[in-house]
């Protein structure tokens, strides 16, 4: 038998970790003395090997406990399931890394970074798949594909322009500017999406007045006050959707 200190040294784990696993019911000492000292044997080493291996494979403590108690007969099935979960996580991590690469490149090319705007851009990059699936539930697939194909082909340039224009509009909200300059900013901002796609979106939304975008999934870079101001200024300047009404 090994004392807890000896067993810790033999397994490469800390005494604290061994006690933690015992508290969670994963590793029971082979013997506990009247004074409360814990002792382990070679059978405990096999259990620790299983725990460490499963933990490395990203099993939760609850899953490890269930496996040790009931799951050893379904080892292959369990490993196949865990492999699938890890592959899903890897794909998610790859998408996050790709999104952060884009965000970093966008940030490098933007002269001024407003934190709220930049985080909105990153959120949209990270949530692209969810946004696409959501839009497919309310819009024609062909329209959604065209919209995201456009975004995909222009992702760096489009987001950089989006950041710059949103920042300039926020500044114009704080510090009033000449109408001609403000009108140009609003036109450019409303024209970030091609006009033919915008017109088709408007037509679809007109056909079904019950359609409402999920505001959480599609955040605005502007506050409610800034949005109200932007709409009022567009109306004042005789604009609709970023172009003249005439």
C-alpha atoms as a PDB file:
ATOM      1  CA  UNK A   1       0.000   0.000   0.000  1.00  0.00           C
ATOM      2  CA  UNK A   2       0.978   3.603  -0.547  1.00  0.00           C
ATOM      3  CA  UNK A   3       0.342   6.613   1.634  1.00  0.00           C
ATOM      4  CA  UNK A   4      -1.396   9.492  -0.126  1.00  0.00           C
ATOM      5  CA  UNK A   5       1.948  11.278  -0.446  1.00  0.00           C
ATOM      6  CA  UNK A   6       3.652   8.221  -1.926  1.00  0.00           C
ATOM      7  CA  UNK A   7       0.719   7.594  -4.253  1.00  0.00           C
ATOM      8  CA  UNK A   8       0.769  11.202  -5.401  1.00  0.00           C
ATOM      9  CA  UNK A   9       4.463  10.953  -6.195  1.00  0.00           C
ATOM     10  CA  UNK A  10       3.975   7.633  -8.019  1.00  0.00           C
ATOM     11  CA  UNK A  11       1.117   8.923 -10.205  1.00  0.00           C
ATOM     12  CA  UNK A  12       2.424  12.445 -10.753  1.00  0.00           C
ATOM     13  CA  UNK A  13      -0.741  13.962  -9.288  1.00  0.00           C
ATOM     14  CA  UNK A  14      -0.995  16.326  -6.354  1.00  0.00           C
ATOM     15  CA  UNK A  15      -2.348  15.299  -2.983  1.00  0.00           C
ATOM     16  CA  UNK A  16      -5.034  17.923  -3.502  1.00  0.00           C
ATOM     17  CA  UNK A  17      -6.097  16.320  -6.795  1.00  0.00           C
ATOM     18  CA  UNK A  18      -6.299  12.867  -5.186  1.00  0.00           C
ATOM     19  CA  UNK A  19      -8.470  14.229  -2.396  1.00  0.00           C
ATOM     20  CA  UNK A  20     -10.643  16.030  -4.935  1.00  0.00           C
ATOM     21  CA  UNK A  21     -11.233  12.844  -6.925  1.00  0.00           C
ATOM     22  CA  UNK A  22     -12.083  11.047  -3.686  1.00  0.00           C
ATOM     23  CA  UNK A  23     -14.596  13.749  -2.747  1.00  0.00           C
ATOM     24  CA  UNK A  24     -16.220  13.364  -6.178  1.00  0.00           C
ATOM     25  CA  UNK A  25     -16.504   9.602  -5.720  1.00  0.00           C
ATOM     26  CA  UNK A  26     -14.110   8.792  -8.562  1.00  0.00           C
ATOM     27  CA  UNK A  27     -11.241   7.331  -6.521  1.00  0.00           C
ATOM     28  CA  UNK A  28     -11.780   5.472  -3.278  1.00  0.00           C
ATOM     29  CA  UNK A  29      -8.690   4.627  -1.170  1.00  0.00           C
ATOM     30  CA  UNK A  30      -8.222   0.920  -0.610  1.00  0.00           C
ATOM     31  CA  UNK A  31      -7.917   1.592   3.120  1.00  0.00           C
ATOM     32  CA  UNK A  32      -8.520   4.451   5.556  1.00  0.00           C
ATOM     33  CA  UNK A  33      -6.896   4.171   8.976  1.00  0.00           C
ATOM     34  CA  UNK A  34      -8.625   4.979  12.246  1.00  0.00           C
ATOM     35  CA  UNK A  35      -6.756   8.270  12.255  1.00  0.00           C
ATOM     36  CA  UNK A  36      -8.127   9.111   8.777  1.00  0.00           C
ATOM     37  CA  UNK A  37      -4.975   8.475   6.753  1.00  0.00           C
ATOM     38  CA  UNK A  38      -5.673   7.306   3.212  1.00  0.00           C
ATOM     39  CA  UNK A  39      -3.814   4.406   1.582  1.00  0.00           C
ATOM     40  CA  UNK A  40      -3.825   3.270  -2.015  1.00  0.00           C
ATOM     41  CA  UNK A  41      -2.778   0.141  -3.918  1.00  0.00           C
ATOM     42  CA  UNK A  42      -1.905  -0.807  -7.496  1.00  0.00           C
ATOM     43  CA  UNK A  43      -5.612  -1.211  -8.313  1.00  0.00           C
ATOM     44  CA  UNK A  44      -6.051   2.465  -7.590  1.00  0.00           C
ATOM     45  CA  UNK A  45      -3.326   3.215 -10.128  1.00  0.00           C
ATOM     46  CA  UNK A  46      -5.445   1.609 -12.859  1.00  0.00           C
ATOM     47  CA  UNK A  47      -8.406   3.754 -11.820  1.00  0.00           C
ATOM     48  CA  UNK A  48      -6.302   6.910 -11.859  1.00  0.00           C
ATOM     49  CA  UNK A  49      -5.035   6.032 -15.338  1.00  0.00           C
ATOM     50  CA  UNK A  50      -8.630   5.792 -16.535  1.00  0.00           C
ATOM     51  CA  UNK A  51      -9.573   9.092 -14.900  1.00  0.00           C
ATOM     52  CA  UNK A  52      -6.581  10.941 -16.366  1.00  0.00           C
ATOM     53  CA  UNK A  53      -7.188   9.463 -19.822  1.00  0.00           C
ATOM     54  CA  UNK A  54     -10.894  10.328 -19.853  1.00  0.00           C
ATOM     55  CA  UNK A  55     -10.208  13.805 -18.493  1.00  0.00           C
ATOM     56  CA  UNK A  56      -7.662  14.332 -21.271  1.00  0.00           C
ATOM     57  CA  UNK A  57     -10.368  13.272 -23.755  1.00  0.00           C
ATOM     58  CA  UNK A  58     -12.513  16.080 -22.297  1.00  0.00           C
ATOM     59  CA  UNK A  59     -14.988  13.933 -20.390  1.00  0.00           C
ATOM     60  CA  UNK A  60     -16.708  15.833 -17.579  1.00  0.00           C
ATOM     61  CA  UNK A  61     -16.357  14.567 -14.000  1.00  0.00           C
ATOM     62  CA  UNK A  62     -19.970  13.385 -14.128  1.00  0.00           C
ATOM     63  CA  UNK A  63     -19.315  11.476 -17.362  1.00  0.00           C
ATOM     64  CA  UNK A  64     -16.156   9.939 -15.883  1.00  0.00           C
ATOM     65  CA  UNK A  65     -18.071   8.797 -12.808  1.00  0.00           C
ATOM     66  CA  UNK A  66     -20.798   7.246 -14.967  1.00  0.00           C
ATOM     67  CA  UNK A  67     -18.191   5.562 -17.159  1.00  0.00           C
ATOM     68  CA  UNK A  68     -16.315   4.088 -14.195  1.00  0.00           C
ATOM     69  CA  UNK A  69     -19.533   2.760 -12.700  1.00  0.00           C
ATOM     70  CA  UNK A  70     -21.463   1.619 -15.752  1.00  0.00           C
ATOM     71  CA  UNK A  71     -19.823   2.384 -19.045  1.00  0.00           C
ATOM     72  CA  UNK A  72     -16.774   0.207 -19.457  1.00  0.00           C
ATOM     73  CA  UNK A  73     -18.751  -2.334 -21.471  1.00  0.00           C
ATOM     74  CA  UNK A  74     -19.582   0.413 -24.006  1.00  0.00           C
ATOM     75  CA  UNK A  75     -16.050   1.752 -24.310  1.00  0.00           C
ATOM     76  CA  UNK A  76     -15.918   1.972 -28.128  1.00  0.00           C
ATOM     77  CA  UNK A  77     -19.359   3.570 -28.377  1.00  0.00           C
ATOM     78  CA  UNK A  78     -18.410   6.054 -25.685  1.00  0.00           C
ATOM     79  CA  UNK A  79     -15.139   6.955 -27.387  1.00  0.00           C
ATOM     80  CA  UNK A  80     -16.859   7.351 -30.745  1.00  0.00           C
ATOM     81  CA  UNK A  81     -19.379   9.726 -29.208  1.00  0.00           C
ATOM     82  CA  UNK A  82     -16.647  11.712 -27.469  1.00  0.00           C
ATOM     83  CA  UNK A  83     -14.662  11.902 -30.709  1.00  0.00           C
ATOM     84  CA  UNK A  84     -17.719  13.358 -32.430  1.00  0.00           C
ATOM     85  CA  UNK A  85     -18.107  15.986 -29.700  1.00  0.00           C
ATOM     86  CA  UNK A  86     -14.437  16.939 -29.948  1.00  0.00           C
ATOM     87  CA  UNK A  87     -14.687  17.238 -33.736  1.00  0.00           C
ATOM     88  CA  UNK A  88     -17.655  19.570 -33.335  1.00  0.00           C
ATOM     89  CA  UNK A  89     -15.691  21.633 -30.851  1.00  0.00           C
ATOM     90  CA  UNK A  90     -12.658  21.672 -33.148  1.00  0.00           C
ATOM     91  CA  UNK A  91     -14.814  22.926 -36.021  1.00  0.00           C
ATOM     92  CA  UNK A  92     -16.224  25.594 -33.743  1.00  0.00           C
ATOM     93  CA  UNK A  93     -12.736  26.622 -32.607  1.00  0.00           C
ATOM     94  CA  UNK A  94     -11.570  26.747 -36.239  1.00  0.00           C
ATOM     95  CA  UNK A  95     -14.488  29.038 -37.086  1.00  0.00           C
ATOM     96  CA  UNK A  96     -13.737  31.257 -34.093  1.00  0.00           C
ATOM     97  CA  UNK A  97     -10.060  31.488 -35.084  1.00  0.00           C
ATOM     98  CA  UNK A  98     -11.018  32.372 -38.661  1.00  0.00           C
ATOM     99  CA  UNK A  99     -13.424  35.025 -37.378  1.00  0.00           C
ATOM    100  CA  UNK A 100     -10.770  36.496 -35.087  1.00  0.00           C
ATOM    101  CA  UNK A 101      -8.266  36.543 -37.954  1.00  0.00           C
ATOM    102  CA  UNK A 102     -10.770  38.573 -39.962  1.00  0.00           C
ATOM    103  CA  UNK A 103     -11.481  40.840 -37.000  1.00  0.00           C
ATOM    104  CA  UNK A 104      -7.773  41.488 -36.416  1.00  0.00           C
ATOM    105  CA  UNK A 105      -7.247  42.309 -40.094  1.00  0.00           C
ATOM    106  CA  UNK A 106     -10.264  44.621 -40.072  1.00  0.00           C
ATOM    107  CA  UNK A 107      -9.013  46.314 -36.917  1.00  0.00           C
ATOM    108  CA  UNK A 108      -5.557  46.857 -38.400  1.00  0.00           C
ATOM    109  CA  UNK A 109      -7.019  48.585 -41.441  1.00  0.00           C
ATOM    110  CA  UNK A 110      -9.437  50.818 -39.535  1.00  0.00           C
ATOM    111  CA  UNK A 111      -8.116  54.235 -38.553  1.00  0.00           C
ATOM    112  CA  UNK A 112     -10.272  54.589 -35.434  1.00  0.00           C
ATOM    113  CA  UNK A 113     -11.733  51.719 -33.395  1.00  0.00           C
ATOM    114  CA  UNK A 114     -14.918  52.284 -31.431  1.00  0.00           C
ATOM    115  CA  UNK A 115     -15.179  49.363 -29.009  1.00  0.00           C
ATOM    116  CA  UNK A 116     -18.948  48.945 -29.300  1.00  0.00           C
ATOM    117  CA  UNK A 117     -18.817  48.932 -33.114  1.00  0.00           C
ATOM    118  CA  UNK A 118     -15.843  46.576 -33.257  1.00  0.00           C
ATOM    119  CA  UNK A 119     -17.448  44.107 -30.838  1.00  0.00           C
ATOM    120  CA  UNK A 120     -20.612  44.183 -32.970  1.00  0.00           C
ATOM    121  CA  UNK A 121     -18.531  43.205 -35.991  1.00  0.00           C
ATOM    122  CA  UNK A 122     -16.859  40.366 -34.072  1.00  0.00           C
ATOM    123  CA  UNK A 123     -20.257  39.178 -32.805  1.00  0.00           C
ATOM    124  CA  UNK A 124     -21.563  39.050 -36.387  1.00  0.00           C
ATOM    125  CA  UNK A 125     -18.500  37.124 -37.521  1.00  0.00           C
ATOM    126  CA  UNK A 126     -18.885  34.575 -34.720  1.00  0.00           C
ATOM    127  CA  UNK A 127     -22.649  34.217 -35.177  1.00  0.00           C
ATOM    128  CA  UNK A 128     -22.664  34.013 -38.975  1.00  0.00           C
ATOM    129  CA  UNK A 129     -23.918  30.409 -39.118  1.00  0.00           C
ATOM    130  CA  UNK A 130     -26.708  31.104 -36.621  1.00  0.00           C
ATOM    131  CA  UNK A 131     -27.699  34.246 -38.492  1.00  0.00           C
ATOM    132  CA  UNK A 132     -27.776  32.369 -41.773  1.00  0.00           C
ATOM    133  CA  UNK A 133     -29.935  29.562 -40.371  1.00  0.00           C
ATOM    134  CA  UNK A 134     -32.299  32.077 -38.795  1.00  0.00           C
ATOM    135  CA  UNK A 135     -32.718  34.050 -42.017  1.00  0.00           C
ATOM    136  CA  UNK A 136     -33.421  30.835 -43.909  1.00  0.00           C
ATOM    137  CA  UNK A 137     -36.412  30.325 -41.627  1.00  0.00           C
ATOM    138  CA  UNK A 138     -37.979  33.637 -42.701  1.00  0.00           C
ATOM    139  CA  UNK A 139     -36.486  34.414 -46.136  1.00  0.00           C
ATOM    140  CA  UNK A 140     -36.082  32.520 -49.434  1.00  0.00           C
ATOM    141  CA  UNK A 141     -32.921  30.377 -49.459  1.00  0.00           C
ATOM    142  CA  UNK A 142     -31.714  31.943 -52.715  1.00  0.00           C
ATOM    143  CA  UNK A 143     -31.885  35.439 -51.222  1.00  0.00           C
ATOM    144  CA  UNK A 144     -30.034  34.378 -48.085  1.00  0.00           C
ATOM    145  CA  UNK A 145     -27.301  32.710 -50.178  1.00  0.00           C
ATOM    146  CA  UNK A 146     -26.848  35.839 -52.308  1.00  0.00           C
ATOM    147  CA  UNK A 147     -26.622  37.998 -49.209  1.00  0.00           C
ATOM    148  CA  UNK A 148     -23.985  35.869 -47.491  1.00  0.00           C
ATOM    149  CA  UNK A 149     -22.078  35.242 -50.718  1.00  0.00           C
ATOM    150  CA  UNK A 150     -21.734  39.015 -51.016  1.00  0.00           C
ATOM    151  CA  UNK A 151     -20.575  39.281 -47.403  1.00  0.00           C
ATOM    152  CA  UNK A 152     -18.105  36.431 -47.890  1.00  0.00           C
ATOM    153  CA  UNK A 153     -16.506  37.942 -50.981  1.00  0.00           C
ATOM    154  CA  UNK A 154     -16.067  41.356 -49.361  1.00  0.00           C
ATOM    155  CA  UNK A 155     -15.710  40.487 -45.673  1.00  0.00           C
ATOM    156  CA  UNK A 156     -12.606  42.556 -44.823  1.00  0.00           C
ATOM    157  CA  UNK A 157     -13.342  45.595 -46.962  1.00  0.00           C
ATOM    158  CA  UNK A 158     -17.067  45.579 -46.118  1.00  0.00           C
ATOM    159  CA  UNK A 159     -16.571  45.420 -42.349  1.00  0.00           C
ATOM    160  CA  UNK A 160     -13.805  48.000 -42.442  1.00  0.00           C
ATOM    161  CA  UNK A 161     -16.118  50.397 -44.288  1.00  0.00           C
ATOM    162  CA  UNK A 162     -18.936  49.510 -41.879  1.00  0.00           C
ATOM    163  CA  UNK A 163     -16.749  50.389 -38.891  1.00  0.00           C
ATOM    164  CA  UNK A 164     -15.529  53.652 -40.405  1.00  0.00           C
ATOM    165  CA  UNK A 165     -19.002  54.835 -41.467  1.00  0.00           C
ATOM    166  CA  UNK A 166     -20.658  53.817 -38.193  1.00  0.00           C
ATOM    167  CA  UNK A 167     -17.960  55.674 -36.273  1.00  0.00           C
ATOM    168  CA  UNK A 168     -18.375  58.811 -38.400  1.00  0.00           C
ATOM    169  CA  UNK A 169     -22.158  58.693 -37.937  1.00  0.00           C
ATOM    170  CA  UNK A 170     -21.735  58.380 -34.184  1.00  0.00           C
ATOM    171  CA  UNK A 171     -19.464  61.427 -34.265  1.00  0.00           C
ATOM    172  CA  UNK A 172     -22.045  63.315 -36.341  1.00  0.00           C
ATOM    173  CA  UNK A 173     -24.657  62.492 -33.706  1.00  0.00           C
ATOM    174  CA  UNK A 174     -22.452  64.040 -31.023  1.00  0.00           C
ATOM    175  CA  UNK A 175     -21.185  66.946 -33.093  1.00  0.00           C
ATOM    176  CA  UNK A 176     -23.634  68.170 -35.800  1.00  0.00           C
ATOM    177  CA  UNK A 177     -22.102  68.444 -39.251  1.00  0.00           C
ATOM    178  CA  UNK A 178     -23.026  69.910 -42.636  1.00  0.00           C
ATOM    179  CA  UNK A 179     -26.068  68.350 -44.298  1.00  0.00           C
ATOM    180  CA  UNK A 180     -24.198  67.490 -47.478  1.00  0.00           C
ATOM    181  CA  UNK A 181     -21.556  65.519 -45.546  1.00  0.00           C
ATOM    182  CA  UNK A 182     -24.170  63.830 -43.314  1.00  0.00           C
ATOM    183  CA  UNK A 183     -26.265  62.846 -46.329  1.00  0.00           C
ATOM    184  CA  UNK A 184     -23.200  61.302 -47.958  1.00  0.00           C
ATOM    185  CA  UNK A 185     -22.445  59.259 -44.819  1.00  0.00           C
ATOM    186  CA  UNK A 186     -26.016  57.977 -44.568  1.00  0.00           C
ATOM    187  CA  UNK A 187     -26.108  57.095 -48.289  1.00  0.00           C
ATOM    188  CA  UNK A 188     -22.852  55.168 -48.006  1.00  0.00           C
ATOM    189  CA  UNK A 189     -23.999  53.336 -44.866  1.00  0.00           C
ATOM    190  CA  UNK A 190     -27.355  52.347 -46.351  1.00  0.00           C
ATOM    191  CA  UNK A 191     -25.605  51.263 -49.562  1.00  0.00           C
ATOM    192  CA  UNK A 192     -23.267  48.735 -47.943  1.00  0.00           C
ATOM    193  CA  UNK A 193     -25.631  45.993 -49.153  1.00  0.00           C
ATOM    194  CA  UNK A 194     -26.283  46.027 -52.954  1.00  0.00           C
ATOM    195  CA  UNK A 195     -29.510  47.820 -53.864  1.00  0.00           C
ATOM    196  CA  UNK A 196     -31.025  44.826 -55.699  1.00  0.00           C
ATOM    197  CA  UNK A 197     -30.685  42.665 -52.583  1.00  0.00           C
ATOM    198  CA  UNK A 198     -32.132  45.435 -50.398  1.00  0.00           C
ATOM    199  CA  UNK A 199     -35.121  45.842 -52.727  1.00  0.00           C
ATOM    200  CA  UNK A 200     -35.819  42.107 -52.683  1.00  0.00           C
ATOM    201  CA  UNK A 201     -35.566  42.055 -48.889  1.00  0.00           C
ATOM    202  CA  UNK A 202     -38.049  44.943 -48.690  1.00  0.00           C
ATOM    203  CA  UNK A 203     -40.475  43.121 -50.992  1.00  0.00           C
ATOM    204  CA  UNK A 204     -40.334  39.929 -48.918  1.00  0.00           C
ATOM    205  CA  UNK A 205     -40.840  41.864 -45.692  1.00  0.00           C
ATOM    206  CA  UNK A 206     -43.820  43.714 -47.213  1.00  0.00           C
ATOM    207  CA  UNK A 207     -45.467  40.399 -48.078  1.00  0.00           C
ATOM    208  CA  UNK A 208     -45.288  39.199 -44.486  1.00  0.00           C
ATOM    209  CA  UNK A 209     -45.729  42.002 -41.960  1.00  0.00           C
ATOM    210  CA  UNK A 210     -45.310  39.550 -39.073  1.00  0.00           C
ATOM    211  CA  UNK A 211     -41.609  39.029 -39.858  1.00  0.00           C
ATOM    212  CA  UNK A 212     -39.379  40.640 -37.260  1.00  0.00           C
ATOM    213  CA  UNK A 213     -35.627  40.283 -37.039  1.00  0.00           C
ATOM    214  CA  UNK A 214     -34.121  38.848 -33.877  1.00  0.00           C
ATOM    215  CA  UNK A 215     -32.491  41.968 -32.427  1.00  0.00           C
ATOM    216  CA  UNK A 216     -30.181  39.924 -30.216  1.00  0.00           C
ATOM    217  CA  UNK A 217     -28.852  37.920 -33.178  1.00  0.00           C
ATOM    218  CA  UNK A 218     -28.494  41.020 -35.367  1.00  0.00           C
ATOM    219  CA  UNK A 219     -27.171  43.756 -33.056  1.00  0.00           C
ATOM    220  CA  UNK A 220     -26.970  47.373 -34.135  1.00  0.00           C
ATOM    221  CA  UNK A 221     -23.760  49.390 -33.693  1.00  0.00           C
ATOM    222  CA  UNK A 222     -25.953  52.309 -32.612  1.00  0.00           C
ATOM    223  CA  UNK A 223     -27.836  53.061 -29.427  1.00  0.00           C
ATOM    224  CA  UNK A 224     -31.622  53.481 -29.602  1.00  0.00           C
ATOM    225  CA  UNK A 225     -31.158  57.249 -29.460  1.00  0.00           C
ATOM    226  CA  UNK A 226     -28.617  57.164 -32.284  1.00  0.00           C
ATOM    227  CA  UNK A 227     -30.914  54.975 -34.396  1.00  0.00           C
ATOM    228  CA  UNK A 228     -33.856  57.353 -33.916  1.00  0.00           C
ATOM    229  CA  UNK A 229     -31.626  60.285 -34.809  1.00  0.00           C
ATOM    230  CA  UNK A 230     -30.300  58.497 -37.916  1.00  0.00           C
ATOM    231  CA  UNK A 231     -33.820  57.746 -39.176  1.00  0.00           C
ATOM    232  CA  UNK A 232     -35.006  61.286 -38.492  1.00  0.00           C
ATOM    233  CA  UNK A 233     -32.003  62.753 -40.316  1.00  0.00           C
ATOM    234  CA  UNK A 234     -32.567  60.495 -43.325  1.00  0.00           C
ATOM    235  CA  UNK A 235     -36.196  61.625 -43.461  1.00  0.00           C
ATOM    236  CA  UNK A 236     -35.238  65.277 -43.009  1.00  0.00           C
ATOM    237  CA  UNK A 237     -32.759  65.031 -45.862  1.00  0.00           C
ATOM    238  CA  UNK A 238     -35.403  63.487 -48.127  1.00  0.00           C
ATOM    239  CA  UNK A 239     -33.848  60.028 -48.158  1.00  0.00           C
ATOM    240  CA  UNK A 240     -35.347  56.550 -48.018  1.00  0.00           C
ATOM    241  CA  UNK A 241     -33.133  53.474 -47.617  1.00  0.00           C
ATOM    242  CA  UNK A 242     -30.056  55.595 -48.233  1.00  0.00           C
ATOM    243  CA  UNK A 243     -31.118  57.074 -51.605  1.00  0.00           C
ATOM    244  CA  UNK A 244     -33.058  60.154 -52.577  1.00  0.00           C
ATOM    245  CA  UNK A 245     -36.827  59.803 -52.714  1.00  0.00           C
ATOM    246  CA  UNK A 246     -36.951  61.474 -56.079  1.00  0.00           C
END
